[in-house]
Amino acid sequence: MRYMATYDMMESIRNTNQWLGASALAMASYPAFSLFPNPAMEWLAAWGEVTERSFARMVVKPDWDIPPVVGPTGQDCLVSIEPVMERPFGDLLKFSVQGRKETGRKVLLVAPMSGHYATLLRSTVISLLPDCDVYVTDWHNARDIPVSAGKFDIEDYTLYLVDFMHHLGPDTHVIAVCQPAPLTLAATAYLAEEAPEAQPRSLTLIGGPIDPDAAPTDVTDFGHSVTMGQLEQLMIQQVGFKYAGVGRKVYPGLLQLASFISMNNDTHRDAFTNQITRVAQKAAHEHDKHNKFYDEYLAVMDMPAEFYLSTVQRVFKEREIARNVFTVAGRQVDIGKITTVAVKTVEGSKDDISAPGQCIAALDLLTGLPDSKKASHLEDGAGHYGIFAGKSWRNNIRPLVLDFIDANNGQPEPKTPEPQKSESQKPVSQKSAPKKTDKPAAA
């Protein structure tokens, strides 16, 4: 940590830039300046407006802002968001469409914990709601979690997913987007051994690094080029005094945002320059394309240090998932134990985060699953964002995923006498599931 600005210093820099933007906008907006029209003042006000908005968004969690869903008779059905399970590091949310009966498709959307909030999947949720009953993992910003809540690494993350899937029951279809794909696969395998009656019916893995070495990218190259000691020195900070998580070690969201922007620096520079010009020309508006994208893109969250470091070490460097040697609470998770859950992988041919080959590697690990329950799709011309939220998702991938869900939505063949089928409806405490799922592993 000695090589970087302190957490409070980074927050001070952000605050200062937000203040400069607000000051420039206020000063350039004085009516007196209108007496002597000057394009420079218009530009200064535009710069201030864009700058203030951008730096303010970096510490604000975006709203879900889900529009009404059209009901079967054409009426608008409002959507309410209800917490189903609440945990220190993340909640399970349900999107309830008021006045609508259950659709028969129960979908758990596993959001990534990779710098952005779960609201990054807003458009994915909106696209699924007309046809599915949608649940989402809503991960919390680590800066707001007191140190007393304990640690949270990839094993704890996996056990959270186990708890969520166990709670939703065996009629669930899980869709994991990007970062959580390998851990969701591990959580499913964990259930296959410990609580097979709670396994989901299908699992769709979208653009996830199951085997990072299958197709190297800049992300995987970076993971191999630095040591864990260097990562801890360069990336990890302690939360400052402003937040409830003061003292907790995190990978700061502001530092992550700097990394995101540096990957496409020219693109972002041009986007902001053009937006300043549009604001100066009165051609921009509150919900234009730029604001809609950057309000979400700039809203970043801190990750627990142990989660970030264990992800790099165990998923990318040691490839524990790819080699099928991942352990949870001292017990090895065997992906080959998955024998009934249908699995589909989705990749984009132009994905520069999880390149084609990384996600489909999951199918080779499923040695106990018949080929009839395996599927894969490569979307030509799609990048990383497009395969779960862009045009490729809406037009091509979403219909395929829904078809996959429907093809595997039937009741599984019972392995026990009929009276015992209600076992899956009993509380967790009355089942054979491990006791660790009764409370957060971080406790």
Protein backbone atom coordinates (compact mmCIF):
# COMPACT_ATOMS: atom_id res chain seq x y z
CA MET A 1 0.00 0.00 0.00
CA ARG A 2 3.01 2.30 0.32
CA TYR A 3 3.10 2.82 -3.46
CA MET A 4 -0.33 4.39 -3.81
CA ALA A 5 -2.43 7.25 -2.52
CA THR A 6 -4.42 6.48 0.60
CA TYR A 7 -8.13 5.73 0.37
CA ASP A 8 -8.96 9.12 1.88
CA MET A 9 -6.63 10.85 -0.58
CA MET A 10 -8.37 9.21 -3.56
CA GLU A 11 -11.75 10.23 -2.17
CA SER A 12 -10.46 13.78 -1.64
CA ILE A 13 -9.32 13.96 -5.27
CA ARG A 14 -12.75 12.80 -6.41
CA ASN A 15 -14.48 15.33 -4.15
CA THR A 16 -12.25 18.12 -5.43
CA ASN A 17 -13.02 17.37 -9.07
CA GLN A 18 -16.74 17.23 -8.34
CA TRP A 19 -16.48 20.60 -6.59
CA LEU A 20 -14.49 22.12 -9.47
CA GLY A 21 -17.15 20.99 -11.92
CA ALA A 22 -19.97 22.41 -9.81
CA SER A 23 -18.07 25.68 -9.33
CA ALA A 24 -17.38 26.06 -13.04
CA LEU A 25 -21.03 25.42 -13.88
CA ALA A 26 -22.28 27.88 -11.26
CA MET A 27 -19.86 30.63 -12.23
CA ALA A 28 -20.40 30.33 -15.99
CA SER A 29 -24.18 30.31 -15.50
CA TYR A 30 -24.41 33.80 -13.96
CA PRO A 31 -26.93 35.92 -15.93
CA ALA A 32 -24.42 38.78 -16.05
CA PHE A 33 -22.24 36.85 -18.49
CA SER A 34 -25.15 36.77 -20.94
CA LEU A 35 -24.69 40.49 -21.51
CA PHE A 36 -21.51 39.73 -23.43
CA PRO A 37 -22.05 36.41 -25.26
CA ASN A 38 -18.89 34.34 -25.28
CA PRO A 39 -18.60 30.71 -26.53
CA ALA A 40 -15.88 30.10 -23.96
CA MET A 41 -18.35 30.58 -21.12
CA GLU A 42 -20.79 28.17 -22.74
CA TRP A 43 -18.02 25.61 -23.03
CA LEU A 44 -16.90 26.20 -19.42
CA ALA A 45 -20.45 25.63 -18.16
CA ALA A 46 -20.70 22.47 -20.25
CA TRP A 47 -17.39 21.19 -18.92
CA GLY A 48 -18.54 21.87 -15.38
CA GLU A 49 -21.86 20.08 -15.88
CA VAL A 50 -20.27 16.95 -17.35
CA THR A 51 -17.44 16.92 -14.79
CA GLU A 52 -19.68 17.36 -11.75
CA ARG A 53 -22.06 14.64 -12.92
CA SER A 54 -19.26 12.19 -13.72
CA PHE A 55 -17.42 12.46 -10.41
CA ALA A 56 -20.65 12.48 -8.40
CA ARG A 57 -21.76 9.21 -10.01
CA MET A 58 -18.65 7.39 -8.80
CA VAL A 59 -19.99 7.03 -5.25
CA VAL A 60 -23.72 6.56 -5.95
CA LYS A 61 -25.40 3.19 -6.32
CA PRO A 62 -27.67 3.39 -9.39
CA ASP A 63 -31.39 2.72 -9.07
CA TRP A 64 -32.82 -0.38 -10.71
CA ASP A 65 -35.46 1.79 -12.38
CA ILE A 66 -37.42 -1.16 -13.78
CA PRO A 67 -40.33 -0.08 -16.02
CA PRO A 68 -43.78 -1.71 -15.77
CA VAL A 69 -44.33 -5.04 -17.49
CA VAL A 70 -47.22 -5.42 -19.90
CA GLY A 71 -49.71 -7.92 -18.46
CA PRO A 72 -51.65 -10.63 -20.32
CA THR A 73 -54.59 -8.29 -20.95
CA GLY A 74 -52.43 -5.34 -21.99
CA GLN A 75 -52.39 -3.51 -18.67
CA ASP A 76 -49.17 -2.17 -17.10
CA CYS A 77 -48.01 -4.26 -14.13
CA LEU A 78 -45.69 -2.43 -11.75
CA VAL A 79 -42.51 -4.16 -10.64
CA SER A 80 -41.50 -4.15 -6.99
CA ILE A 81 -38.13 -5.25 -5.61
CA GLU A 82 -38.23 -7.41 -2.50
CA PRO A 83 -35.28 -8.84 -0.51
CA VAL A 84 -35.74 -12.58 -0.11
CA MET A 85 -32.52 -13.26 1.82
CA GLU A 86 -30.35 -10.60 3.44
CA ARG A 87 -26.69 -11.18 4.24
CA PRO A 88 -23.81 -8.85 5.24
CA PHE A 89 -22.08 -9.05 1.85
CA GLY A 90 -25.04 -9.53 -0.46
CA ASP A 91 -28.80 -10.03 -0.69
CA LEU A 92 -31.06 -12.17 -2.83
CA LEU A 93 -33.62 -9.90 -4.50
CA LYS A 94 -36.88 -10.81 -6.16
CA PHE A 95 -38.50 -8.71 -8.89
CA SER A 96 -42.22 -9.13 -8.32
CA VAL A 97 -44.58 -8.22 -11.14
CA GLN A 98 -47.71 -7.06 -9.34
CA GLY A 99 -50.94 -8.75 -10.34
CA ARG A 100 -49.26 -11.40 -12.47
CA LYS A 101 -49.29 -15.13 -11.84
CA GLU A 102 -46.03 -17.04 -11.78
CA THR A 103 -44.68 -17.69 -15.26
CA GLY A 104 -43.31 -21.17 -14.61
CA ARG A 105 -39.76 -19.99 -15.30
CA LYS A 106 -37.91 -19.19 -12.07
CA VAL A 107 -34.57 -17.58 -12.97
CA LEU A 108 -31.70 -16.74 -10.62
CA LEU A 109 -29.46 -14.16 -12.26
CA VAL A 110 -26.01 -14.24 -10.63
CA ALA A 111 -24.48 -10.78 -10.94
CA PRO A 112 -20.72 -10.28 -11.03
CA MET A 113 -18.76 -8.83 -8.12
CA SER A 114 -16.14 -7.19 -10.30
CA GLY A 115 -16.30 -3.50 -9.64
CA HIS A 116 -19.83 -2.57 -10.71
CA TYR A 117 -23.13 -2.99 -8.89
CA ALA A 118 -25.66 -5.66 -9.78
CA THR A 119 -27.60 -2.89 -11.55
CA LEU A 120 -25.18 -3.46 -14.44
CA LEU A 121 -27.65 -6.24 -15.34
CA ARG A 122 -30.65 -3.88 -15.39
CA SER A 123 -31.29 -4.34 -19.10
CA THR A 124 -30.89 -8.11 -18.70
CA VAL A 125 -33.51 -8.12 -15.94
CA ILE A 126 -35.87 -5.95 -18.00
CA SER A 127 -35.56 -8.32 -20.96
CA LEU A 128 -36.31 -11.41 -18.84
CA LEU A 129 -39.16 -10.07 -16.69
CA PRO A 130 -41.96 -10.42 -19.29
CA ASP A 131 -41.30 -14.17 -19.50
CA CYS A 132 -39.68 -15.15 -16.19
CA ASP A 133 -39.85 -14.78 -12.42
CA VAL A 134 -36.47 -13.13 -11.84
CA TYR A 135 -34.19 -13.20 -8.79
CA VAL A 136 -30.81 -11.42 -8.62
CA THR A 137 -27.78 -11.54 -6.34
CA ASP A 138 -27.23 -7.98 -5.10
CA TRP A 139 -23.66 -7.69 -3.79
CA HIS A 140 -22.89 -4.93 -1.28
CA ASN A 141 -20.20 -2.26 -1.48
CA ALA A 142 -17.40 -3.41 0.82
CA ARG A 143 -16.81 0.13 2.10
CA ASP A 144 -20.24 -0.01 3.78
CA ILE A 145 -19.68 -3.34 5.56
CA PRO A 146 -18.21 -3.08 9.09
CA VAL A 147 -15.03 -5.00 9.82
CA SER A 148 -17.00 -6.93 12.45
CA ALA A 149 -18.85 -8.74 9.60
CA GLY A 150 -15.66 -10.72 8.96
CA LYS A 151 -13.94 -11.75 5.75
CA PHE A 152 -15.41 -12.58 2.36
CA ASP A 153 -13.37 -14.60 -0.13
CA ILE A 154 -14.31 -16.83 -3.06
CA GLU A 155 -15.22 -19.72 -0.75
CA ASP A 156 -17.65 -17.48 1.14
CA TYR A 157 -19.01 -16.24 -2.20
CA THR A 158 -19.57 -19.84 -3.29
CA LEU A 159 -21.41 -20.68 -0.06
CA TYR A 160 -23.63 -17.62 -0.51
CA LEU A 161 -24.64 -19.01 -3.92
CA VAL A 162 -25.25 -22.41 -2.35
CA ASP A 163 -27.57 -20.77 0.19
CA PHE A 164 -29.43 -18.79 -2.46
CA MET A 165 -29.95 -21.80 -4.74
CA HIS A 166 -30.95 -23.99 -1.80
CA HIS A 167 -33.54 -21.42 -0.74
CA LEU A 168 -35.06 -21.09 -4.22
CA GLY A 169 -35.36 -24.84 -4.68
CA PRO A 170 -34.90 -27.35 -7.50
CA ASP A 171 -37.23 -25.64 -9.99
CA THR A 172 -34.70 -22.83 -10.49
CA HIS A 173 -32.76 -21.96 -13.64
CA VAL A 174 -29.48 -20.20 -12.93
CA ILE A 175 -27.81 -17.69 -15.27
CA ALA A 176 -24.30 -16.61 -14.24
CA VAL A 177 -22.80 -13.60 -16.01
CA CYS A 178 -19.03 -13.21 -16.40
CA GLN A 179 -17.00 -13.32 -13.15
CA PRO A 180 -19.32 -15.61 -11.10
CA ALA A 181 -19.50 -18.32 -13.80
CA PRO A 182 -16.72 -20.54 -12.35
CA LEU A 183 -17.93 -20.12 -8.76
CA THR A 184 -21.56 -20.77 -9.76
CA LEU A 185 -20.41 -23.97 -11.44
CA ALA A 186 -18.59 -24.91 -8.23
CA ALA A 187 -21.65 -24.07 -6.10
CA THR A 188 -23.80 -26.33 -8.28
CA ALA A 189 -21.28 -29.16 -7.87
CA TYR A 190 -21.27 -28.53 -4.11
CA LEU A 191 -25.04 -28.97 -4.04
CA ALA A 192 -24.77 -32.12 -6.17
CA GLU A 193 -22.85 -33.78 -3.35
CA GLU A 194 -24.30 -32.16 -0.24
CA ALA A 195 -27.94 -31.45 -1.14
CA PRO A 196 -28.79 -33.00 -4.51
CA GLU A 197 -32.50 -32.33 -4.03
CA ALA A 198 -31.80 -28.57 -4.18
CA GLN A 199 -29.88 -28.54 -7.47
CA PRO A 200 -31.22 -26.17 -10.14
CA ARG A 201 -32.70 -27.57 -13.34
CA SER A 202 -30.38 -25.69 -15.64
CA LEU A 203 -27.24 -23.58 -15.50
CA THR A 204 -26.31 -21.03 -18.17
CA LEU A 205 -22.78 -19.64 -18.03
CA ILE A 206 -22.27 -16.40 -19.97
CA GLY A 207 -18.76 -15.17 -20.78
CA GLY A 208 -17.09 -16.53 -17.66
CA PRO A 209 -13.42 -17.47 -17.07
CA ILE A 210 -13.84 -21.18 -16.36
CA ASP A 211 -10.36 -21.80 -17.81
CA PRO A 212 -8.56 -18.45 -18.21
CA ASP A 213 -5.62 -20.06 -20.02
CA ALA A 214 -7.82 -21.54 -22.75
CA ALA A 215 -7.73 -18.20 -24.60
CA PRO A 216 -5.41 -15.56 -23.07
CA THR A 217 -6.50 -11.91 -22.95
CA ASP A 218 -5.04 -8.73 -21.45
CA VAL A 219 -6.82 -9.64 -18.21
CA THR A 220 -5.23 -13.09 -17.96
CA ASP A 221 -1.83 -11.78 -19.07
CA PHE A 222 -1.92 -9.21 -16.27
CA GLY A 223 -2.80 -11.90 -13.75
CA HIS A 224 0.24 -13.92 -14.75
CA SER A 225 2.63 -10.98 -14.99
CA VAL A 226 2.36 -9.81 -11.37
CA THR A 227 2.98 -11.59 -8.11
CA MET A 228 0.44 -11.69 -5.32
CA GLY A 229 2.73 -9.50 -3.23
CA GLN A 230 2.79 -6.87 -5.97
CA LEU A 231 -0.99 -6.98 -6.27
CA GLU A 232 -1.43 -6.45 -2.56
CA GLN A 233 1.00 -3.53 -2.59
CA LEU A 234 -0.46 -1.89 -5.69
CA MET A 235 -4.20 -2.56 -5.46
CA ILE A 236 -5.26 -2.97 -1.82
CA GLN A 237 -6.22 -0.11 0.50
CA GLN A 238 -8.02 0.40 3.80
CA VAL A 239 -11.42 2.09 3.77
CA GLY A 240 -11.25 5.64 5.11
CA PHE A 241 -13.10 7.26 7.98
CA LYS A 242 -16.03 8.45 5.90
CA TYR A 243 -17.67 5.02 5.57
CA ALA A 244 -19.03 2.31 7.89
CA GLY A 245 -16.37 -0.15 6.70
CA VAL A 246 -13.51 2.00 8.02
CA GLY A 247 -10.39 -0.15 8.36
CA ARG A 248 -11.57 -2.92 6.02
CA LYS A 249 -9.05 -3.80 3.33
CA VAL A 250 -10.52 -3.44 -0.15
CA TYR A 251 -9.72 -3.15 -3.82
CA PRO A 252 -11.07 0.43 -4.16
CA GLY A 253 -13.72 1.11 -6.76
CA LEU A 254 -11.98 4.31 -7.86
CA LEU A 255 -8.82 2.36 -8.58
CA GLN A 256 -10.81 -0.24 -10.51
CA LEU A 257 -12.45 2.53 -12.55
CA ALA A 258 -9.04 3.91 -13.47
CA SER A 259 -8.10 0.44 -14.75
CA PHE A 260 -11.35 0.12 -16.73
CA ILE A 261 -10.86 3.48 -18.43
CA SER A 262 -7.18 2.86 -19.20
CA MET A 263 -8.11 -0.19 -21.27
CA ASN A 264 -9.95 2.06 -23.77
CA ASN A 265 -8.59 5.48 -22.91
CA ASP A 266 -9.03 7.03 -26.36
CA THR A 267 -12.65 5.89 -26.62
CA HIS A 268 -13.59 7.37 -23.24
CA ARG A 269 -11.71 10.61 -23.91
CA ASP A 270 -13.57 11.12 -27.18
CA ALA A 271 -16.90 10.25 -25.55
CA PHE A 272 -16.50 12.92 -22.86
CA THR A 273 -15.16 15.54 -25.29
CA ASN A 274 -18.14 14.99 -27.57
CA GLN A 275 -20.57 15.14 -24.65
CA ILE A 276 -19.15 18.49 -23.49
CA THR A 277 -19.66 19.81 -27.02
CA ARG A 278 -23.26 18.53 -27.11
CA VAL A 279 -24.03 20.13 -23.74
CA ALA A 280 -22.56 23.44 -24.91
CA GLN A 281 -24.72 23.26 -28.04
CA LYS A 282 -27.84 22.40 -25.99
CA ALA A 283 -28.05 19.07 -27.85
CA ALA A 284 -27.67 16.79 -24.80
CA HIS A 285 -30.37 15.77 -22.34
CA GLU A 286 -30.70 13.97 -19.00
CA HIS A 287 -31.27 10.48 -20.38
CA ASP A 288 -29.26 10.59 -23.60
CA LYS A 289 -27.07 7.70 -24.69
CA HIS A 290 -23.93 9.08 -23.00
CA ASN A 291 -25.54 9.68 -19.62
CA LYS A 292 -27.40 6.40 -19.67
CA PHE A 293 -24.17 4.47 -20.22
CA TYR A 294 -21.80 6.42 -17.98
CA ASP A 295 -24.20 6.77 -15.06
CA GLU A 296 -23.82 3.01 -14.73
CA TYR A 297 -20.23 2.65 -15.91
CA LEU A 298 -18.83 5.24 -13.49
CA ALA A 299 -20.72 3.86 -10.48
CA VAL A 300 -18.14 1.56 -8.92
CA MET A 301 -17.99 -0.37 -5.67
CA ASP A 302 -15.12 -1.56 -3.48
CA MET A 303 -14.38 -5.29 -3.43
CA PRO A 304 -13.22 -7.08 -0.27
CA ALA A 305 -9.45 -7.50 -0.56
CA GLU A 306 -9.57 -11.22 0.26
CA PHE A 307 -12.16 -11.81 -2.49
CA TYR A 308 -10.11 -10.02 -5.13
CA LEU A 309 -6.80 -11.61 -4.15
CA SER A 310 -8.23 -15.13 -3.83
CA THR A 311 -9.92 -14.76 -7.25
CA VAL A 312 -6.63 -13.86 -8.92
CA GLN A 313 -4.69 -16.52 -7.04
CA ARG A 314 -7.08 -19.46 -7.25
CA VAL A 315 -9.14 -18.88 -10.41
CA PHE A 316 -6.55 -17.25 -12.68
CA LYS A 317 -3.11 -18.23 -11.44
CA GLU A 318 -3.68 -21.72 -10.01
CA ARG A 319 -6.73 -22.47 -12.21
CA GLU A 320 -8.41 -24.47 -9.46
CA ILE A 321 -11.77 -24.52 -11.25
CA ALA A 322 -10.22 -25.44 -14.61
CA ARG A 323 -8.24 -28.26 -12.99
CA ASN A 324 -11.22 -29.38 -10.89
CA VAL A 325 -9.34 -29.05 -7.60
CA PHE A 326 -11.32 -26.20 -6.04
CA THR A 327 -11.96 -26.59 -2.32
CA VAL A 328 -14.61 -25.06 -0.05
CA ALA A 329 -14.17 -25.20 3.72
CA GLY A 330 -11.43 -27.81 3.30
CA ARG A 331 -13.50 -30.10 1.06
CA GLN A 332 -12.79 -30.56 -2.62
CA VAL A 333 -15.65 -29.81 -4.97
CA ASP A 334 -15.90 -32.32 -7.81
CA ILE A 335 -17.56 -30.78 -10.88
CA GLY A 336 -17.93 -34.28 -12.31
CA LYS A 337 -20.60 -34.94 -9.66
CA ILE A 338 -23.07 -32.79 -11.62
CA THR A 339 -25.22 -35.38 -13.40
CA THR A 340 -28.72 -33.92 -13.74
CA VAL A 341 -28.31 -30.14 -14.23
CA ALA A 342 -28.40 -29.08 -17.89
CA VAL A 343 -25.51 -26.72 -18.66
CA LYS A 344 -25.20 -24.19 -21.49
CA THR A 345 -22.27 -21.87 -22.21
CA VAL A 346 -22.49 -18.60 -24.14
CA GLU A 347 -19.49 -16.75 -25.58
CA GLY A 348 -18.91 -13.73 -27.83
CA SER A 349 -16.44 -13.95 -30.71
CA LYS A 350 -15.11 -10.45 -29.93
CA ASP A 351 -15.09 -10.75 -26.15
CA ASP A 352 -11.79 -9.21 -24.96
CA ILE A 353 -12.47 -9.95 -21.27
CA SER A 354 -13.37 -13.66 -21.35
CA ALA A 355 -12.32 -14.74 -24.82
CA PRO A 356 -14.00 -17.64 -26.67
CA GLY A 357 -12.75 -20.90 -25.23
CA GLN A 358 -12.62 -19.83 -21.60
CA CYS A 359 -16.29 -20.49 -20.84
CA ILE A 360 -16.95 -23.54 -23.01
CA ALA A 361 -14.18 -25.28 -21.06
CA ALA A 362 -16.86 -25.99 -18.43
CA LEU A 363 -18.41 -28.68 -20.61
CA ASP A 364 -15.22 -30.79 -20.53
CA LEU A 365 -15.27 -30.70 -16.73
CA LEU A 366 -18.81 -32.12 -16.62
CA THR A 367 -17.68 -35.73 -16.99
CA GLY A 368 -20.79 -37.08 -15.24
CA LEU A 369 -23.27 -35.15 -17.36
CA PRO A 370 -24.65 -36.72 -20.55
CA ASP A 371 -24.02 -34.85 -23.79
CA SER A 372 -27.76 -34.42 -24.24
CA LYS A 373 -27.71 -32.00 -21.30
CA LYS A 374 -24.79 -29.94 -22.61
CA ALA A 375 -25.07 -27.01 -24.99
CA SER A 376 -22.96 -24.09 -26.17
CA HIS A 377 -23.36 -20.97 -28.28
CA LEU A 378 -20.80 -18.64 -29.85
CA GLU A 379 -22.29 -15.29 -30.83
CA ASP A 380 -20.52 -13.95 -33.89
CA GLY A 381 -19.44 -10.31 -33.65
CA ALA A 382 -20.48 -9.85 -30.01
CA GLY A 383 -18.27 -8.30 -27.35
CA HIS A 384 -18.33 -8.91 -23.63
CA TYR A 385 -21.17 -6.52 -22.78
CA GLY A 386 -23.22 -7.50 -25.80
CA ILE A 387 -23.65 -11.14 -24.82
CA PHE A 388 -25.70 -10.31 -21.73
CA ALA A 389 -27.09 -6.81 -22.26
CA GLY A 390 -26.62 -5.60 -25.81
CA LYS A 391 -28.25 -6.18 -29.17
CA SER A 392 -26.78 -9.68 -29.44
CA TRP A 393 -28.42 -10.64 -26.15
CA ARG A 394 -31.82 -9.20 -27.06
CA ASN A 395 -32.03 -10.52 -30.60
CA ASN A 396 -30.21 -13.86 -30.52
CA ILE A 397 -28.97 -15.06 -27.14
CA ARG A 398 -32.03 -14.39 -24.96
CA PRO A 399 -34.38 -16.50 -27.16
CA LEU A 400 -31.85 -19.35 -27.10
CA VAL A 401 -31.54 -19.18 -23.32
CA LEU A 402 -35.32 -19.21 -22.88
CA ASP A 403 -35.58 -22.21 -25.23
CA PHE A 404 -32.90 -23.96 -23.18
CA ILE A 405 -34.81 -23.23 -19.97
CA ASP A 406 -38.06 -24.55 -21.45
CA ALA A 407 -36.35 -27.70 -22.72
CA ASN A 408 -35.19 -28.45 -19.18
CA ASN A 409 -38.16 -27.17 -17.22
CA GLY A 410 -39.87 -30.51 -16.66
CA GLN A 411 -40.05 -32.24 -13.33
CA PRO A 412 -36.98 -34.42 -12.72
CA GLU A 413 -37.44 -38.16 -12.31
CA PRO A 414 -37.93 -38.93 -8.61
CA LYS A 415 -35.21 -41.10 -7.07
CA THR A 416 -37.18 -41.78 -3.88
CA PRO A 417 -40.71 -42.97 -3.16
CA GLU A 418 -43.40 -40.41 -3.93
CA PRO A 419 -44.21 -39.47 -0.26
CA GLN A 420 -40.61 -38.32 0.23
CA LYS A 421 -40.68 -35.79 -2.60
CA SER A 422 -41.65 -33.07 -0.11
CA GLU A 423 -38.13 -33.31 1.33
CA SER A 424 -37.06 -30.46 -0.95
CA GLN A 425 -39.62 -28.21 0.71
CA LYS A 426 -38.33 -28.70 4.26
CA PRO A 427 -36.28 -25.98 6.00
CA VAL A 428 -32.52 -26.25 5.49
CA SER A 429 -32.03 -27.09 9.15
CA GLN A 430 -34.03 -30.32 8.66
CA LYS A 431 -32.08 -31.52 5.64
CA SER A 432 -28.74 -33.10 5.04
CA ALA A 433 -27.27 -29.84 3.69
CA PRO A 434 -24.08 -28.69 5.45
CA LYS A 435 -24.56 -26.56 8.52
CA LYS A 436 -22.44 -23.80 7.00
CA THR A 437 -25.32 -22.78 4.77
CA ASP A 438 -27.45 -21.87 7.77
CA LYS A 439 -25.45 -18.66 8.22
CA PRO A 440 -22.88 -16.64 6.30
CA ALA A 441 -19.50 -18.31 6.07
CA ALA A 442 -17.96 -14.98 7.02
CA ALA A 443 -19.59 -15.02 10.43
